[in-house]
């Protein structure tokens, strides 16, 4: 993952409403959630939800698939793991790790 992509994804998650949506989808697992159920869980207007979902979809953190008449939203777990990996890939590379922090990766 490059720096610009990571920054765009972190920026999308930097909004409290989008972070709440994302965490709700992470909890839903691979099955994801239909937009209507997601709206009920989050408690926001459909247009507001649509706006925030679009921001997460554009950066690839969330995918949407149509199943008959239902639009289902899912976390892109591969991309999520990639972003987390990007954040910690050089953990303690130039110093001693703090206990409880990820250990240095084997060279």
C-alpha atoms as a PDB file:
ATOM      1  CA  UNK A   1       0.000   0.000   0.000  1.00  0.00           C
ATOM      2  CA  UNK A   2       1.358   3.420  -0.816  1.00  0.00           C
ATOM      3  CA  UNK A   3       1.289   6.478   1.423  1.00  0.00           C
ATOM      4  CA  UNK A   4      -1.372   8.356  -0.574  1.00  0.00           C
ATOM      5  CA  UNK A   5      -3.786   5.407  -0.555  1.00  0.00           C
ATOM      6  CA  UNK A   6      -3.283   4.871   3.165  1.00  0.00           C
ATOM      7  CA  UNK A   7      -3.847   8.574   3.846  1.00  0.00           C
ATOM      8  CA  UNK A   8      -7.082   8.599   1.806  1.00  0.00           C
ATOM      9  CA  UNK A   9      -8.404   5.566   3.680  1.00  0.00           C
ATOM     10  CA  UNK A  10      -7.485   6.971   7.068  1.00  0.00           C
ATOM     11  CA  UNK A  11      -9.068  10.291   6.115  1.00  0.00           C
ATOM     12  CA  UNK A  12     -12.314   8.494   5.233  1.00  0.00           C
ATOM     13  CA  UNK A  13     -12.272   6.806   8.635  1.00  0.00           C
ATOM     14  CA  UNK A  14     -11.501  10.131  10.322  1.00  0.00           C
ATOM     15  CA  UNK A  15     -15.162  11.138  10.284  1.00  0.00           C
ATOM     16  CA  UNK A  16     -17.051   9.919  13.383  1.00  0.00           C
ATOM     17  CA  UNK A  17     -20.132   8.846  11.413  1.00  0.00           C
ATOM     18  CA  UNK A  18     -18.084   6.921   8.842  1.00  0.00           C
ATOM     19  CA  UNK A  19     -16.050   5.284  11.601  1.00  0.00           C
ATOM     20  CA  UNK A  20     -19.284   4.200  13.301  1.00  0.00           C
ATOM     21  CA  UNK A  21     -20.590   2.787   9.999  1.00  0.00           C
ATOM     22  CA  UNK A  22     -17.315   0.979   9.362  1.00  0.00           C
ATOM     23  CA  UNK A  23     -17.142  -0.534  12.842  1.00  0.00           C
ATOM     24  CA  UNK A  24     -20.751  -1.687  12.508  1.00  0.00           C
ATOM     25  CA  UNK A  25     -19.895  -3.432   9.230  1.00  0.00           C
ATOM     26  CA  UNK A  26     -16.768  -4.999  10.741  1.00  0.00           C
ATOM     27  CA  UNK A  27     -18.938  -6.452  13.526  1.00  0.00           C
ATOM     28  CA  UNK A  28     -21.375  -7.817  10.922  1.00  0.00           C
ATOM     29  CA  UNK A  29     -18.723 -10.150   9.513  1.00  0.00           C
ATOM     30  CA  UNK A  30     -18.472 -11.415   5.962  1.00  0.00           C
ATOM     31  CA  UNK A  31     -22.251 -11.492   5.592  1.00  0.00           C
ATOM     32  CA  UNK A  32     -22.347  -7.704   5.745  1.00  0.00           C
ATOM     33  CA  UNK A  33     -25.545  -5.767   6.277  1.00  0.00           C
ATOM     34  CA  UNK A  34     -28.323  -4.632   3.993  1.00  0.00           C
ATOM     35  CA  UNK A  35     -28.410  -0.836   3.779  1.00  0.00           C
ATOM     36  CA  UNK A  36     -31.780  -0.726   5.563  1.00  0.00           C
ATOM     37  CA  UNK A  37     -30.506  -2.696   8.552  1.00  0.00           C
ATOM     38  CA  UNK A  38     -27.342  -0.607   8.647  1.00  0.00           C
ATOM     39  CA  UNK A  39     -29.465   2.535   8.674  1.00  0.00           C
ATOM     40  CA  UNK A  40     -31.535   1.165  11.570  1.00  0.00           C
ATOM     41  CA  UNK A  41     -28.414   0.274  13.563  1.00  0.00           C
ATOM     42  CA  UNK A  42     -26.739   3.643  12.991  1.00  0.00           C
ATOM     43  CA  UNK A  43     -29.889   5.741  13.238  1.00  0.00           C
ATOM     44  CA  UNK A  44     -29.188   8.280  10.503  1.00  0.00           C
ATOM     45  CA  UNK A  45     -31.156   9.551   7.518  1.00  0.00           C
ATOM     46  CA  UNK A  46     -30.906   7.530   4.285  1.00  0.00           C
ATOM     47  CA  UNK A  47     -29.294  10.405   2.370  1.00  0.00           C
ATOM     48  CA  UNK A  48     -26.688  10.893   5.109  1.00  0.00           C
ATOM     49  CA  UNK A  49     -25.911   7.181   5.168  1.00  0.00           C
ATOM     50  CA  UNK A  50     -25.589   7.135   1.387  1.00  0.00           C
ATOM     51  CA  UNK A  51     -23.166  10.067   1.471  1.00  0.00           C
ATOM     52  CA  UNK A  52     -20.930   8.418   4.077  1.00  0.00           C
ATOM     53  CA  UNK A  53     -21.073   4.968   2.465  1.00  0.00           C
ATOM     54  CA  UNK A  54     -19.983   6.492  -0.844  1.00  0.00           C
ATOM     55  CA  UNK A  55     -16.857   7.903   0.830  1.00  0.00           C
ATOM     56  CA  UNK A  56     -15.983   4.456   2.233  1.00  0.00           C
ATOM     57  CA  UNK A  57     -16.694   2.714  -1.078  1.00  0.00           C
ATOM     58  CA  UNK A  58     -14.580   5.194  -3.085  1.00  0.00           C
ATOM     59  CA  UNK A  59     -11.469   4.369  -1.026  1.00  0.00           C
ATOM     60  CA  UNK A  60     -12.231   0.636  -1.130  1.00  0.00           C
ATOM     61  CA  UNK A  61     -12.888   0.042   2.570  1.00  0.00           C
ATOM     62  CA  UNK A  62     -16.480  -1.036   1.906  1.00  0.00           C
ATOM     63  CA  UNK A  63     -17.992  -2.982  -0.980  1.00  0.00           C
ATOM     64  CA  UNK A  64     -21.619  -3.067  -2.023  1.00  0.00           C
ATOM     65  CA  UNK A  65     -23.402  -5.837  -3.891  1.00  0.00           C
ATOM     66  CA  UNK A  66     -26.967  -6.042  -5.036  1.00  0.00           C
ATOM     67  CA  UNK A  67     -28.799  -9.193  -4.015  1.00  0.00           C
ATOM     68  CA  UNK A  68     -32.185  -9.097  -5.751  1.00  0.00           C
ATOM     69  CA  UNK A  69     -33.646  -5.795  -4.529  1.00  0.00           C
ATOM     70  CA  UNK A  70     -31.340  -5.448  -1.523  1.00  0.00           C
ATOM     71  CA  UNK A  71     -28.059  -3.543  -1.464  1.00  0.00           C
ATOM     72  CA  UNK A  72     -25.640  -5.282   0.927  1.00  0.00           C
ATOM     73  CA  UNK A  73     -22.596  -3.506   2.371  1.00  0.00           C
ATOM     74  CA  UNK A  74     -19.504  -5.414   3.465  1.00  0.00           C
ATOM     75  CA  UNK A  75     -16.123  -4.581   4.900  1.00  0.00           C
ATOM     76  CA  UNK A  76     -13.231  -5.200   2.524  1.00  0.00           C
ATOM     77  CA  UNK A  77     -11.264  -7.236   5.062  1.00  0.00           C
ATOM     78  CA  UNK A  78      -8.229  -7.674   2.810  1.00  0.00           C
ATOM     79  CA  UNK A  79      -7.864  -3.932   2.425  1.00  0.00           C
ATOM     80  CA  UNK A  80      -8.456  -3.402   6.148  1.00  0.00           C
ATOM     81  CA  UNK A  81      -5.655  -5.847   6.980  1.00  0.00           C
ATOM     82  CA  UNK A  82      -3.435  -4.145   4.410  1.00  0.00           C
ATOM     83  CA  UNK A  83      -4.036  -0.749   6.013  1.00  0.00           C
ATOM     84  CA  UNK A  84      -3.305  -2.085   9.479  1.00  0.00           C
ATOM     85  CA  UNK A  85      -0.195  -3.795   8.115  1.00  0.00           C
ATOM     86  CA  UNK A  86       0.934  -0.544   6.521  1.00  0.00           C
ATOM     87  CA  UNK A  87       0.589   1.243   9.858  1.00  0.00           C
ATOM     88  CA  UNK A  88       2.690  -1.283  11.754  1.00  0.00           C
ATOM     89  CA  UNK A  89       5.081  -2.654   9.120  1.00  0.00           C
ATOM     90  CA  UNK A  90       8.006  -0.668  10.466  1.00  0.00           C
ATOM     91  CA  UNK A  91       7.077  -0.902  14.125  1.00  0.00           C
ATOM     92  CA  UNK A  92      10.177  -0.497  16.258  1.00  0.00           C
ATOM     93  CA  UNK A  93      12.406  -0.701  13.159  1.00  0.00           C
ATOM     94  CA  UNK A  94      14.757   1.887  14.601  1.00  0.00           C
ATOM     95  CA  UNK A  95      14.445   1.234  18.289  1.00  0.00           C
ATOM     96  CA  UNK A  96      13.358  -1.036  21.088  1.00  0.00           C
ATOM     97  CA  UNK A  97       9.717  -2.037  21.111  1.00  0.00           C
ATOM     98  CA  UNK A  98       7.570  -1.058  24.024  1.00  0.00           C
ATOM     99  CA  UNK A  99       6.129  -4.132  25.788  1.00  0.00           C
ATOM    100  CA  UNK A 100       2.733  -4.972  24.352  1.00  0.00           C
ATOM    101  CA  UNK A 101       3.502  -3.402  20.974  1.00  0.00           C
ATOM    102  CA  UNK A 102       3.913  -5.601  17.930  1.00  0.00           C
ATOM    103  CA  UNK A 103       7.316  -7.315  17.865  1.00  0.00           C
ATOM    104  CA  UNK A 104       9.894  -6.533  15.211  1.00  0.00           C
ATOM    105  CA  UNK A 105       9.358  -8.534  12.071  1.00  0.00           C
ATOM    106  CA  UNK A 106      11.978 -11.099  11.164  1.00  0.00           C
ATOM    107  CA  UNK A 107      14.255  -9.946   8.388  1.00  0.00           C
END
